[in-house]
Amino acid sequence: MMAKTIVVALGGNAIQTGNGATAEEQKLACYNTAKQLVKLIKEGHKLVIAHGNGPQVGNIVLQQQMNQSDKLPAMPLDTCGAMSQGMIGYWLQNALYEVFHDEGIDKNAVTLVTQVLVDENDPAFENPTKPIGSFYTQEEADQLAKTKGYKMKEDAGRGYRRVVPSPKPLDIIEKKAIVDLIQSGNIVIASGGGGIPVSKDNSRLIGIEAVIDKDFASEKLAELVDADAFLVLTAVENVAINFGKPEQKNLENLSLAEANQYIEEGQFAPGSMLPKVQAAIQFAESGTGRKSYITSLEHAYDAIAGKTGTVIAGE
């Protein structure tokens, strides 16, 4: 394969082994993820790794609030997002170093705490949709809404979760530093959890209480570092239409027109496959020759090699 600069958007399964997973369980998940990604690194590809943080940042917020006092105030959501970036970045960095050692690879992995510019007037602030944290019963959710003022929504039949605003990413503050790290031969972990949302006030950057969708932030990152490929890793090998039905059809190569048609038909679930396909379309549209790939972690290498997964490319 010709060496490419690839932005990899890791799905939750790459770092979370289940609701309530321990640190050791999540570190093991990161190690298994590193073992898959190293196959691409051995081919000479330059990787920039982005990841979600929904369960982790939600748990950090909860821990902050459960232990707060006059002497120990709880930190705001943007600061908790920074904590989760450092925590997950450390796990991934640590796992990559171990795999590099095992494979005899002379590389450095670097985590960059990343700030992402958003519009404070984004309509998303009027309609919180991004789930974070643990799952709750309806009774528990009602109690949290009453006592904490949280907005709670049912999440795909799995229970209720807190939802927060999810504004669109406009720019990445540290983009030049990320490019410099890539060009120096580093494997970069950036835009974790969609990045820390900030707005600009003249020369100041102000943290915003929100969570940016990981797939959209990863796509913006891919554009800004002039990536050749955008690789979205999720729980399934292929995007499908009529998902879960007897007539389910797995998709291999999608034109932009076909992908947009399936979106109009409501084929992709909001909060699940829909943002992944939308982000993939956005990257494919952003420049000549750019391709997006959607597949599972286990098939990442084969997808880039053109053997499996769903590819979305421009005309």
C-alpha atoms as a PDB file:
ATOM      1  CA  MET A   1       0.000   0.000   0.000  1.00  0.00           C
ATOM      2  CA  MET A   2       1.167   3.531  -0.729  1.00  0.00           C
ATOM      3  CA  ALA A   3       1.893   5.319   2.564  1.00  0.00           C
ATOM      4  CA  LYS A   4      -0.917   7.646   3.593  1.00  0.00           C
ATOM      5  CA  THR A   5      -1.675  10.161   6.309  1.00  0.00           C
ATOM      6  CA  ILE A   6      -4.716   8.647   7.995  1.00  0.00           C
ATOM      7  CA  VAL A   7      -6.927  10.167  10.666  1.00  0.00           C
ATOM      8  CA  VAL A   8      -8.451   7.317  12.665  1.00  0.00           C
ATOM      9  CA  ALA A   9     -11.679   7.942  14.575  1.00  0.00           C
ATOM     10  CA  LEU A  10     -11.924   5.244  17.233  1.00  0.00           C
ATOM     11  CA  GLY A  11     -15.360   4.038  18.286  1.00  0.00           C
ATOM     12  CA  GLY A  12     -16.283   3.476  21.902  1.00  0.00           C
ATOM     13  CA  ASN A  13     -15.572  -0.263  21.675  1.00  0.00           C
ATOM     14  CA  ALA A  14     -11.894   0.538  21.134  1.00  0.00           C
ATOM     15  CA  ILE A  15     -11.488   1.912  24.668  1.00  0.00           C
ATOM     16  CA  GLN A  16     -14.576   0.760  26.584  1.00  0.00           C
ATOM     17  CA  THR A  17     -15.295  -2.893  27.281  1.00  0.00           C
ATOM     18  CA  GLY A  18     -18.732  -2.307  28.784  1.00  0.00           C
ATOM     19  CA  ASN A  19     -20.714  -0.093  31.129  1.00  0.00           C
ATOM     20  CA  GLY A  20     -18.827   0.304  34.391  1.00  0.00           C
ATOM     21  CA  ALA A  21     -15.522  -0.980  32.979  1.00  0.00           C
ATOM     22  CA  THR A  22     -12.518  -0.630  35.295  1.00  0.00           C
ATOM     23  CA  ALA A  23      -9.378   1.272  34.374  1.00  0.00           C
ATOM     24  CA  GLU A  24      -7.543  -2.019  33.824  1.00  0.00           C
ATOM     25  CA  GLU A  25     -10.280  -3.291  31.505  1.00  0.00           C
ATOM     26  CA  GLN A  26     -10.178  -0.078  29.482  1.00  0.00           C
ATOM     27  CA  LYS A  27      -6.375  -0.158  29.321  1.00  0.00           C
ATOM     28  CA  LEU A  28      -6.594  -3.716  27.979  1.00  0.00           C
ATOM     29  CA  ALA A  29      -9.075  -2.533  25.335  1.00  0.00           C
ATOM     30  CA  CYS A  30      -6.593   0.181  24.342  1.00  0.00           C
ATOM     31  CA  TYR A  31      -3.819  -2.423  24.081  1.00  0.00           C
ATOM     32  CA  ASN A  32      -5.963  -4.552  21.753  1.00  0.00           C
ATOM     33  CA  THR A  33      -6.684  -1.418  19.724  1.00  0.00           C
ATOM     34  CA  ALA A  34      -2.972  -0.611  19.469  1.00  0.00           C
ATOM     35  CA  LYS A  35      -2.276  -4.133  18.193  1.00  0.00           C
ATOM     36  CA  GLN A  36      -4.702  -3.543  15.323  1.00  0.00           C
ATOM     37  CA  LEU A  37      -3.468  -0.046  14.475  1.00  0.00           C
ATOM     38  CA  VAL A  38       0.187  -1.074  14.452  1.00  0.00           C
ATOM     39  CA  LYS A  39      -0.509  -3.091  11.299  1.00  0.00           C
ATOM     40  CA  LEU A  40      -1.067   0.217   9.490  1.00  0.00           C
ATOM     41  CA  ILE A  41       1.957   1.837  11.106  1.00  0.00           C
ATOM     42  CA  LYS A  42       4.182  -1.034   9.933  1.00  0.00           C
ATOM     43  CA  GLU A  43       3.084  -0.255   6.363  1.00  0.00           C
ATOM     44  CA  GLY A  44       4.492   3.254   6.743  1.00  0.00           C
ATOM     45  CA  HIS A  45       1.190   5.066   7.233  1.00  0.00           C
ATOM     46  CA  LYS A  46       1.187   8.220   9.381  1.00  0.00           C
ATOM     47  CA  LEU A  47      -1.609   7.935  11.922  1.00  0.00           C
ATOM     48  CA  VAL A  48      -3.469  10.606  13.818  1.00  0.00           C
ATOM     49  CA  ILE A  49      -5.740   8.941  16.357  1.00  0.00           C
ATOM     50  CA  ALA A  50      -8.931  10.509  17.662  1.00  0.00           C
ATOM     51  CA  HIS A  51     -11.324   8.859  20.102  1.00  0.00           C
ATOM     52  CA  GLY A  52     -14.613   9.268  21.908  1.00  0.00           C
ATOM     53  CA  ASN A  53     -15.008   9.887  25.635  1.00  0.00           C
ATOM     54  CA  GLY A  54     -18.758   9.669  26.339  1.00  0.00           C
ATOM     55  CA  PRO A  55     -18.729   7.177  29.230  1.00  0.00           C
ATOM     56  CA  GLN A  56     -15.445   8.461  30.655  1.00  0.00           C
ATOM     57  CA  VAL A  57     -16.255  12.176  30.746  1.00  0.00           C
ATOM     58  CA  GLY A  58     -19.700  11.438  32.133  1.00  0.00           C
ATOM     59  CA  ASN A  59     -18.188   9.391  34.935  1.00  0.00           C
ATOM     60  CA  ILE A  60     -15.626  12.107  35.684  1.00  0.00           C
ATOM     61  CA  VAL A  61     -18.420  14.676  35.938  1.00  0.00           C
ATOM     62  CA  LEU A  62     -20.364  12.365  38.248  1.00  0.00           C
ATOM     63  CA  GLN A  63     -17.317  11.735  40.452  1.00  0.00           C
ATOM     64  CA  GLN A  64     -16.708  15.471  40.665  1.00  0.00           C
ATOM     65  CA  GLN A  65     -20.258  16.164  41.746  1.00  0.00           C
ATOM     66  CA  MET A  66     -20.480  13.301  44.233  1.00  0.00           C
ATOM     67  CA  ASN A  67     -17.336  14.475  46.036  1.00  0.00           C
ATOM     68  CA  GLN A  68     -17.791  18.228  45.831  1.00  0.00           C
ATOM     69  CA  SER A  69     -17.818  20.450  48.904  1.00  0.00           C
ATOM     70  CA  ASP A  70     -17.085  24.062  49.802  1.00  0.00           C
ATOM     71  CA  LYS A  71     -13.408  23.160  49.986  1.00  0.00           C
ATOM     72  CA  LEU A  72     -13.463  20.923  46.901  1.00  0.00           C
ATOM     73  CA  PRO A  73     -15.688  22.424  44.177  1.00  0.00           C
ATOM     74  CA  ALA A  74     -16.684  20.336  41.153  1.00  0.00           C
ATOM     75  CA  MET A  75     -14.947  21.152  37.884  1.00  0.00           C
ATOM     76  CA  PRO A  76     -16.993  22.269  34.835  1.00  0.00           C
ATOM     77  CA  LEU A  77     -17.660  19.996  31.851  1.00  0.00           C
ATOM     78  CA  ASP A  78     -14.937  21.483  29.613  1.00  0.00           C
ATOM     79  CA  THR A  79     -12.314  20.813  32.305  1.00  0.00           C
ATOM     80  CA  CYS A  80     -13.654  17.285  32.780  1.00  0.00           C
ATOM     81  CA  GLY A  81     -13.270  16.833  29.022  1.00  0.00           C
ATOM     82  CA  ALA A  82      -9.603  17.815  29.335  1.00  0.00           C
ATOM     83  CA  MET A  83      -9.205  15.259  32.130  1.00  0.00           C
ATOM     84  CA  SER A  84     -10.667  12.530  29.921  1.00  0.00           C
ATOM     85  CA  GLN A  85      -8.359  13.487  27.028  1.00  0.00           C
ATOM     86  CA  GLY A  86      -5.326  13.086  29.248  1.00  0.00           C
ATOM     87  CA  MET A  87      -6.573   9.838  30.768  1.00  0.00           C
ATOM     88  CA  ILE A  88      -7.507   8.071  27.533  1.00  0.00           C
ATOM     89  CA  GLY A  89      -4.507   9.517  25.723  1.00  0.00           C
ATOM     90  CA  TYR A  90      -2.259   8.072  28.421  1.00  0.00           C
ATOM     91  CA  TRP A  91      -3.871   4.636  28.043  1.00  0.00           C
ATOM     92  CA  LEU A  92      -3.456   4.684  24.253  1.00  0.00           C
ATOM     93  CA  GLN A  93       0.082   6.076  24.427  1.00  0.00           C
ATOM     94  CA  ASN A  94       1.073   3.452  26.948  1.00  0.00           C
ATOM     95  CA  ALA A  95      -0.443   0.667  24.840  1.00  0.00           C
ATOM     96  CA  LEU A  96       1.260   1.882  21.671  1.00  0.00           C
ATOM     97  CA  TYR A  97       4.662   2.002  23.377  1.00  0.00           C
ATOM     98  CA  GLU A  98       4.222  -1.608  24.497  1.00  0.00           C
ATOM     99  CA  VAL A  99       3.223  -2.773  21.009  1.00  0.00           C
ATOM    100  CA  PHE A 100       6.042  -0.748  19.392  1.00  0.00           C
ATOM    101  CA  HIS A 101       8.503  -2.496  21.703  1.00  0.00           C
ATOM    102  CA  ASP A 102       7.083  -5.930  20.859  1.00  0.00           C
ATOM    103  CA  GLU A 103       7.190  -5.203  17.105  1.00  0.00           C
ATOM    104  CA  GLY A 104      10.600  -3.509  17.076  1.00  0.00           C
ATOM    105  CA  ILE A 105       9.155  -0.199  15.866  1.00  0.00           C
ATOM    106  CA  ASP A 106      11.087   3.002  16.599  1.00  0.00           C
ATOM    107  CA  LYS A 107       8.202   5.468  16.998  1.00  0.00           C
ATOM    108  CA  ASN A 108       6.884   7.913  19.556  1.00  0.00           C
ATOM    109  CA  ALA A 109       3.217   8.329  20.450  1.00  0.00           C
ATOM    110  CA  VAL A 110       2.218  11.813  21.593  1.00  0.00           C
ATOM    111  CA  THR A 111      -1.076  12.926  23.149  1.00  0.00           C
ATOM    112  CA  LEU A 112      -2.048  16.546  22.568  1.00  0.00           C
ATOM    113  CA  VAL A 113      -4.795  18.073  24.701  1.00  0.00           C
ATOM    114  CA  THR A 114      -6.828  19.685  21.943  1.00  0.00           C
ATOM    115  CA  GLN A 115      -9.136  22.710  21.936  1.00  0.00           C
ATOM    116  CA  VAL A 116     -11.791  22.954  19.228  1.00  0.00           C
ATOM    117  CA  LEU A 117     -13.427  26.222  18.263  1.00  0.00           C
ATOM    118  CA  VAL A 118     -17.239  26.315  18.247  1.00  0.00           C
ATOM    119  CA  ASP A 119     -19.845  29.029  17.730  1.00  0.00           C
ATOM    120  CA  GLU A 120     -21.430  29.937  21.062  1.00  0.00           C
ATOM    121  CA  ASN A 121     -24.606  30.751  19.088  1.00  0.00           C
ATOM    122  CA  ASP A 122     -24.731  27.264  17.519  1.00  0.00           C
ATOM    123  CA  PRO A 123     -28.393  26.074  17.634  1.00  0.00           C
ATOM    124  CA  ALA A 124     -27.180  22.878  19.334  1.00  0.00           C
ATOM    125  CA  PHE A 125     -27.133  24.793  22.623  1.00  0.00           C
ATOM    126  CA  GLU A 126     -30.921  25.034  22.432  1.00  0.00           C
ATOM    127  CA  ASN A 127     -31.318  21.288  21.872  1.00  0.00           C
ATOM    128  CA  PRO A 128     -28.890  19.076  23.871  1.00  0.00           C
ATOM    129  CA  THR A 129     -28.487  15.685  22.162  1.00  0.00           C
ATOM    130  CA  LYS A 130     -25.040  14.254  23.022  1.00  0.00           C
ATOM    131  CA  PRO A 131     -25.212  11.398  25.567  1.00  0.00           C
ATOM    132  CA  ILE A 132     -22.518  11.223  28.234  1.00  0.00           C
ATOM    133  CA  GLY A 133     -21.974   9.068  31.287  1.00  0.00           C
ATOM    134  CA  SER A 134     -23.708   5.997  32.637  1.00  0.00           C
ATOM    135  CA  PHE A 135     -27.093   4.483  31.815  1.00  0.00           C
ATOM    136  CA  TYR A 136     -29.969   4.966  34.267  1.00  0.00           C
ATOM    137  CA  THR A 137     -33.461   3.656  34.801  1.00  0.00           C
ATOM    138  CA  GLN A 138     -36.312   6.063  34.117  1.00  0.00           C
ATOM    139  CA  GLU A 139     -36.783   6.572  37.868  1.00  0.00           C
ATOM    140  CA  GLU A 140     -33.093   7.411  38.349  1.00  0.00           C
ATOM    141  CA  ALA A 141     -33.154   9.694  35.303  1.00  0.00           C
ATOM    142  CA  ASP A 142     -36.185  11.574  36.634  1.00  0.00           C
ATOM    143  CA  GLN A 143     -34.423  12.061  39.957  1.00  0.00           C
ATOM    144  CA  LEU A 144     -31.270  13.423  38.286  1.00  0.00           C
ATOM    145  CA  ALA A 145     -33.347  15.779  36.157  1.00  0.00           C
ATOM    146  CA  LYS A 146     -35.053  17.031  39.303  1.00  0.00           C
ATOM    147  CA  THR A 147     -32.026  17.359  41.583  1.00  0.00           C
ATOM    148  CA  LYS A 148     -29.271  18.254  39.122  1.00  0.00           C
ATOM    149  CA  GLY A 149     -31.246  19.893  36.334  1.00  0.00           C
ATOM    150  CA  TYR A 150     -29.873  17.417  33.803  1.00  0.00           C
ATOM    151  CA  LYS A 151     -31.547  16.843  30.465  1.00  0.00           C
ATOM    152  CA  MET A 152     -32.084  13.064  30.252  1.00  0.00           C
ATOM    153  CA  LYS A 153     -32.995  11.021  27.167  1.00  0.00           C
ATOM    154  CA  GLU A 154     -33.616   7.359  26.430  1.00  0.00           C
ATOM    155  CA  ASP A 155     -30.648   5.889  24.528  1.00  0.00           C
ATOM    156  CA  ALA A 156     -31.361   3.118  21.982  1.00  0.00           C
ATOM    157  CA  GLY A 157     -33.301   0.930  24.409  1.00  0.00           C
ATOM    158  CA  ARG A 158     -30.343   0.679  26.787  1.00  0.00           C
ATOM    159  CA  GLY A 159     -31.624   3.078  29.444  1.00  0.00           C
ATOM    160  CA  TYR A 160     -31.506   6.817  30.061  1.00  0.00           C
ATOM    161  CA  ARG A 161     -28.417   9.031  29.829  1.00  0.00           C
ATOM    162  CA  ARG A 162     -27.616  12.657  30.398  1.00  0.00           C
ATOM    163  CA  VAL A 163     -27.461  14.677  27.176  1.00  0.00           C
ATOM    164  CA  VAL A 164     -25.505  17.890  26.614  1.00  0.00           C
ATOM    165  CA  PRO A 165     -25.152  20.308  23.661  1.00  0.00           C
ATOM    166  CA  SER A 166     -23.109  19.088  20.688  1.00  0.00           C
ATOM    167  CA  PRO A 167     -22.041  22.102  18.586  1.00  0.00           C
ATOM    168  CA  LYS A 168     -20.288  21.713  15.243  1.00  0.00           C
ATOM    169  CA  PRO A 169     -16.480  22.088  15.188  1.00  0.00           C
ATOM    170  CA  LEU A 170     -15.225  25.124  13.255  1.00  0.00           C
ATOM    171  CA  ASP A 171     -11.465  24.977  13.765  1.00  0.00           C
ATOM    172  CA  ILE A 172      -8.786  23.225  15.833  1.00  0.00           C
ATOM    173  CA  ILE A 173      -6.635  25.588  17.841  1.00  0.00           C
ATOM    174  CA  GLU A 174      -3.581  23.287  17.946  1.00  0.00           C
ATOM    175  CA  LYS A 175      -3.683  22.283  14.248  1.00  0.00           C
ATOM    176  CA  LYS A 176      -0.185  23.586  13.440  1.00  0.00           C
ATOM    177  CA  ALA A 177       1.322  21.725  16.394  1.00  0.00           C
ATOM    178  CA  ILE A 178      -0.413  18.529  15.236  1.00  0.00           C
ATOM    179  CA  VAL A 179       0.974  18.915  11.707  1.00  0.00           C
ATOM    180  CA  ASP A 180       4.470  19.528  13.097  1.00  0.00           C
ATOM    181  CA  LEU A 181       4.238  16.354  15.198  1.00  0.00           C
ATOM    182  CA  ILE A 182       3.061  14.295  12.209  1.00  0.00           C
ATOM    183  CA  GLN A 183       5.859  15.609  10.007  1.00  0.00           C
ATOM    184  CA  SER A 184       8.374  14.724  12.731  1.00  0.00           C
ATOM    185  CA  GLY A 185       7.293  11.089  12.471  1.00  0.00           C
ATOM    186  CA  ASN A 186       5.164  10.872  15.605  1.00  0.00           C
ATOM    187  CA  ILE A 187       1.925   8.970  16.037  1.00  0.00           C
ATOM    188  CA  VAL A 188      -0.403  11.682  17.316  1.00  0.00           C
ATOM    189  CA  ILE A 189      -3.418  11.258  19.593  1.00  0.00           C
ATOM    190  CA  ALA A 190      -5.534  14.405  19.273  1.00  0.00           C
ATOM    191  CA  SER A 191      -9.085  15.779  19.429  1.00  0.00           C
ATOM    192  CA  GLY A 192      -9.951  13.211  22.100  1.00  0.00           C
ATOM    193  CA  GLY A 193     -13.636  13.170  22.900  1.00  0.00           C
ATOM    194  CA  GLY A 194     -14.236  15.634  20.068  1.00  0.00           C
ATOM    195  CA  GLY A 195     -11.821  18.106  21.641  1.00  0.00           C
ATOM    196  CA  ILE A 196     -12.486  20.690  24.331  1.00  0.00           C
ATOM    197  CA  PRO A 197     -15.098  23.115  22.976  1.00  0.00           C
ATOM    198  CA  VAL A 198     -13.985  26.733  23.234  1.00  0.00           C
ATOM    199  CA  SER A 199     -15.191  30.078  21.928  1.00  0.00           C
ATOM    200  CA  LYS A 200     -13.085  33.141  21.188  1.00  0.00           C
ATOM    201  CA  ASP A 201     -13.325  36.435  23.034  1.00  0.00           C
ATOM    202  CA  ASN A 202     -10.708  38.626  21.362  1.00  0.00           C
ATOM    203  CA  SER A 203      -7.409  37.071  22.519  1.00  0.00           C
ATOM    204  CA  ARG A 204      -9.038  34.718  25.045  1.00  0.00           C
ATOM    205  CA  LEU A 205     -10.300  31.162  24.588  1.00  0.00           C
ATOM    206  CA  ILE A 206     -13.259  30.349  26.804  1.00  0.00           C
ATOM    207  CA  GLY A 207     -14.280  26.781  27.644  1.00  0.00           C
ATOM    208  CA  ILE A 208     -17.857  25.813  26.747  1.00  0.00           C
ATOM    209  CA  GLU A 209     -20.079  23.316  28.582  1.00  0.00           C
ATOM    210  CA  ALA A 210     -20.661  20.912  25.705  1.00  0.00           C
ATOM    211  CA  VAL A 211     -19.321  17.771  24.011  1.00  0.00           C
ATOM    212  CA  ILE A 212     -18.450  17.887  20.309  1.00  0.00           C
ATOM    213  CA  ASP A 213     -19.299  14.789  18.301  1.00  0.00           C
ATOM    214  CA  LYS A 214     -16.116  12.737  17.927  1.00  0.00           C
ATOM    215  CA  ASP A 215     -16.762  11.890  14.266  1.00  0.00           C
ATOM    216  CA  PHE A 216     -17.288  15.510  13.187  1.00  0.00           C
ATOM    217  CA  ALA A 217     -14.252  16.705  15.165  1.00  0.00           C
ATOM    218  CA  SER A 218     -12.149  13.894  13.691  1.00  0.00           C
ATOM    219  CA  GLU A 219     -13.276  14.853  10.188  1.00  0.00           C
ATOM    220  CA  LYS A 220     -12.358  18.488  10.785  1.00  0.00           C
ATOM    221  CA  LEU A 221      -8.970  17.302  12.020  1.00  0.00           C
ATOM    222  CA  ALA A 222      -8.530  15.190   8.867  1.00  0.00           C
ATOM    223  CA  GLU A 223      -9.207  18.230   6.691  1.00  0.00           C
ATOM    224  CA  LEU A 224      -6.863  20.506   8.609  1.00  0.00           C
ATOM    225  CA  VAL A 225      -3.889  18.117   8.563  1.00  0.00           C
ATOM    226  CA  ASP A 226      -4.485  17.405   4.847  1.00  0.00           C
ATOM    227  CA  ALA A 227      -5.022  13.688   5.431  1.00  0.00           C
ATOM    228  CA  ASP A 228      -5.312  11.271   2.534  1.00  0.00           C
ATOM    229  CA  ALA A 229      -7.832   9.060   4.304  1.00  0.00           C
ATOM    230  CA  PHE A 230     -10.391   9.288   7.083  1.00  0.00           C
ATOM    231  CA  LEU A 231     -10.895   5.943   8.820  1.00  0.00           C
ATOM    232  CA  VAL A 232     -13.966   5.642  11.044  1.00  0.00           C
ATOM    233  CA  LEU A 233     -13.855   2.553  13.248  1.00  0.00           C
ATOM    234  CA  THR A 234     -17.061   1.257  14.760  1.00  0.00           C
ATOM    235  CA  ALA A 235     -18.693  -2.018  15.831  1.00  0.00           C
ATOM    236  CA  VAL A 236     -19.550  -3.336  12.354  1.00  0.00           C
ATOM    237  CA  GLU A 237     -17.502  -4.287   9.293  1.00  0.00           C
ATOM    238  CA  ASN A 238     -19.713  -2.429   6.807  1.00  0.00           C
ATOM    239  CA  VAL A 239     -22.309   0.293   6.710  1.00  0.00           C
ATOM    240  CA  ALA A 240     -25.664  -1.314   5.888  1.00  0.00           C
ATOM    241  CA  ILE A 241     -29.114  -0.321   4.721  1.00  0.00           C
ATOM    242  CA  ASN A 242     -32.170  -1.973   6.263  1.00  0.00           C
ATOM    243  CA  PHE A 243     -29.921  -2.727   9.220  1.00  0.00           C
ATOM    244  CA  GLY A 244     -31.106  -5.576  11.433  1.00  0.00           C
ATOM    245  CA  LYS A 245     -33.840  -6.608   8.990  1.00  0.00           C
ATOM    246  CA  PRO A 246     -34.032  -9.742   6.809  1.00  0.00           C
ATOM    247  CA  GLU A 247     -33.320  -7.590   3.751  1.00  0.00           C
ATOM    248  CA  GLN A 248     -30.192  -5.994   5.281  1.00  0.00           C
ATOM    249  CA  LYS A 249     -27.619  -5.107   2.612  1.00  0.00           C
ATOM    250  CA  ASN A 250     -23.994  -4.353   3.436  1.00  0.00           C
ATOM    251  CA  LEU A 251     -22.500  -1.500   1.419  1.00  0.00           C
ATOM    252  CA  GLU A 252     -18.976  -1.560  -0.028  1.00  0.00           C
ATOM    253  CA  ASN A 253     -18.472   1.447  -2.310  1.00  0.00           C
ATOM    254  CA  LEU A 254     -20.697   4.481  -1.951  1.00  0.00           C
ATOM    255  CA  SER A 255     -20.803   7.550  -4.143  1.00  0.00           C
ATOM    256  CA  LEU A 256     -21.631  10.837  -2.471  1.00  0.00           C
ATOM    257  CA  ALA A 257     -25.020  10.839  -4.193  1.00  0.00           C
ATOM    258  CA  GLU A 258     -25.853   7.336  -2.933  1.00  0.00           C
ATOM    259  CA  ALA A 259     -24.745   8.143   0.606  1.00  0.00           C
ATOM    260  CA  ASN A 260     -26.870  11.302   0.691  1.00  0.00           C
ATOM    261  CA  GLN A 261     -29.856   9.416  -0.745  1.00  0.00           C
ATOM    262  CA  TYR A 262     -29.666   6.803   2.015  1.00  0.00           C
ATOM    263  CA  ILE A 263     -29.504   9.583   4.602  1.00  0.00           C
ATOM    264  CA  GLU A 264     -32.664  11.143   3.142  1.00  0.00           C
ATOM    265  CA  GLU A 265     -34.351   7.740   3.363  1.00  0.00           C
ATOM    266  CA  GLY A 266     -33.516   7.577   7.090  1.00  0.00           C
ATOM    267  CA  GLN A 267     -31.363   4.463   6.694  1.00  0.00           C
ATOM    268  CA  PHE A 268     -28.842   5.460   9.368  1.00  0.00           C
ATOM    269  CA  ALA A 269     -29.632   5.830  13.058  1.00  0.00           C
ATOM    270  CA  PRO A 270     -29.069   9.278  14.614  1.00  0.00           C
ATOM    271  CA  GLY A 271     -26.384   9.185  17.277  1.00  0.00           C
ATOM    272  CA  SER A 272     -25.031   5.941  15.830  1.00  0.00           C
ATOM    273  CA  MET A 273     -24.218   5.405  12.141  1.00  0.00           C
ATOM    274  CA  LEU A 274     -25.672   8.703  10.863  1.00  0.00           C
ATOM    275  CA  PRO A 275     -22.907  11.050  12.139  1.00  0.00           C
ATOM    276  CA  LYS A 276     -20.255   8.611  10.901  1.00  0.00           C
ATOM    277  CA  VAL A 277     -21.669   8.634   7.378  1.00  0.00           C
ATOM    278  CA  GLN A 278     -22.185  12.409   7.454  1.00  0.00           C
ATOM    279  CA  ALA A 279     -18.597  12.972   8.577  1.00  0.00           C
ATOM    280  CA  ALA A 280     -17.331  10.534   5.924  1.00  0.00           C
ATOM    281  CA  ILE A 281     -19.241  12.426   3.231  1.00  0.00           C
ATOM    282  CA  GLN A 282     -17.869  15.746   4.464  1.00  0.00           C
ATOM    283  CA  PHE A 283     -14.264  14.535   4.209  1.00  0.00           C
ATOM    284  CA  ALA A 284     -14.751  12.957   0.779  1.00  0.00           C
ATOM    285  CA  GLU A 285     -16.203  16.269  -0.453  1.00  0.00           C
ATOM    286  CA  SER A 286     -13.378  18.350   1.041  1.00  0.00           C
ATOM    287  CA  GLY A 287     -10.669  17.674  -1.537  1.00  0.00           C
ATOM    288  CA  THR A 288      -9.682  15.762  -4.656  1.00  0.00           C
ATOM    289  CA  GLY A 289      -8.749  12.140  -4.062  1.00  0.00           C
ATOM    290  CA  ARG A 290      -9.835  12.050  -0.438  1.00  0.00           C
ATOM    291  CA  LYS A 291     -11.519   8.843   0.713  1.00  0.00           C
ATOM    292  CA  SER A 292     -13.414   7.880   3.835  1.00  0.00           C
ATOM    293  CA  TYR A 293     -13.555   4.344   5.191  1.00  0.00           C
ATOM    294  CA  ILE A 294     -16.026   2.953   7.723  1.00  0.00           C
ATOM    295  CA  THR A 295     -15.386  -0.462   9.235  1.00  0.00           C
ATOM    296  CA  SER A 296     -14.627  -2.299  12.468  1.00  0.00           C
ATOM    297  CA  LEU A 297     -11.367  -2.068  14.387  1.00  0.00           C
ATOM    298  CA  GLU A 298     -10.495  -5.644  13.464  1.00  0.00           C
ATOM    299  CA  HIS A 299     -10.801  -4.836   9.749  1.00  0.00           C
ATOM    300  CA  ALA A 300      -8.982  -1.482   9.748  1.00  0.00           C
ATOM    301  CA  TYR A 301      -5.929  -2.776   7.887  1.00  0.00           C
ATOM    302  CA  ASP A 302      -7.976  -4.641   5.276  1.00  0.00           C
ATOM    303  CA  ALA A 303     -10.244  -1.634   4.731  1.00  0.00           C
ATOM    304  CA  ILE A 304      -7.324   0.655   3.885  1.00  0.00           C
ATOM    305  CA  ALA A 305      -6.043  -2.113   1.584  1.00  0.00           C
ATOM    306  CA  GLY A 306      -9.394  -2.057  -0.231  1.00  0.00           C
ATOM    307  CA  LYS A 307     -10.453  -5.539   0.849  1.00  0.00           C
ATOM    308  CA  THR A 308     -13.446  -4.779   3.070  1.00  0.00           C
ATOM    309  CA  GLY A 309     -15.393  -2.020   4.815  1.00  0.00           C
ATOM    310  CA  THR A 310     -17.428   0.770   3.275  1.00  0.00           C
ATOM    311  CA  VAL A 311     -15.644   3.369   1.148  1.00  0.00           C
ATOM    312  CA  ILE A 312     -17.138   6.790   0.439  1.00  0.00           C
ATOM    313  CA  ALA A 313     -15.314   8.777  -2.219  1.00  0.00           C
ATOM    314  CA  GLY A 314     -15.908  11.904  -4.280  1.00  0.00           C
ATOM    315  CA  GLU A 315     -16.744  11.905  -7.939  1.00  0.00           C
END
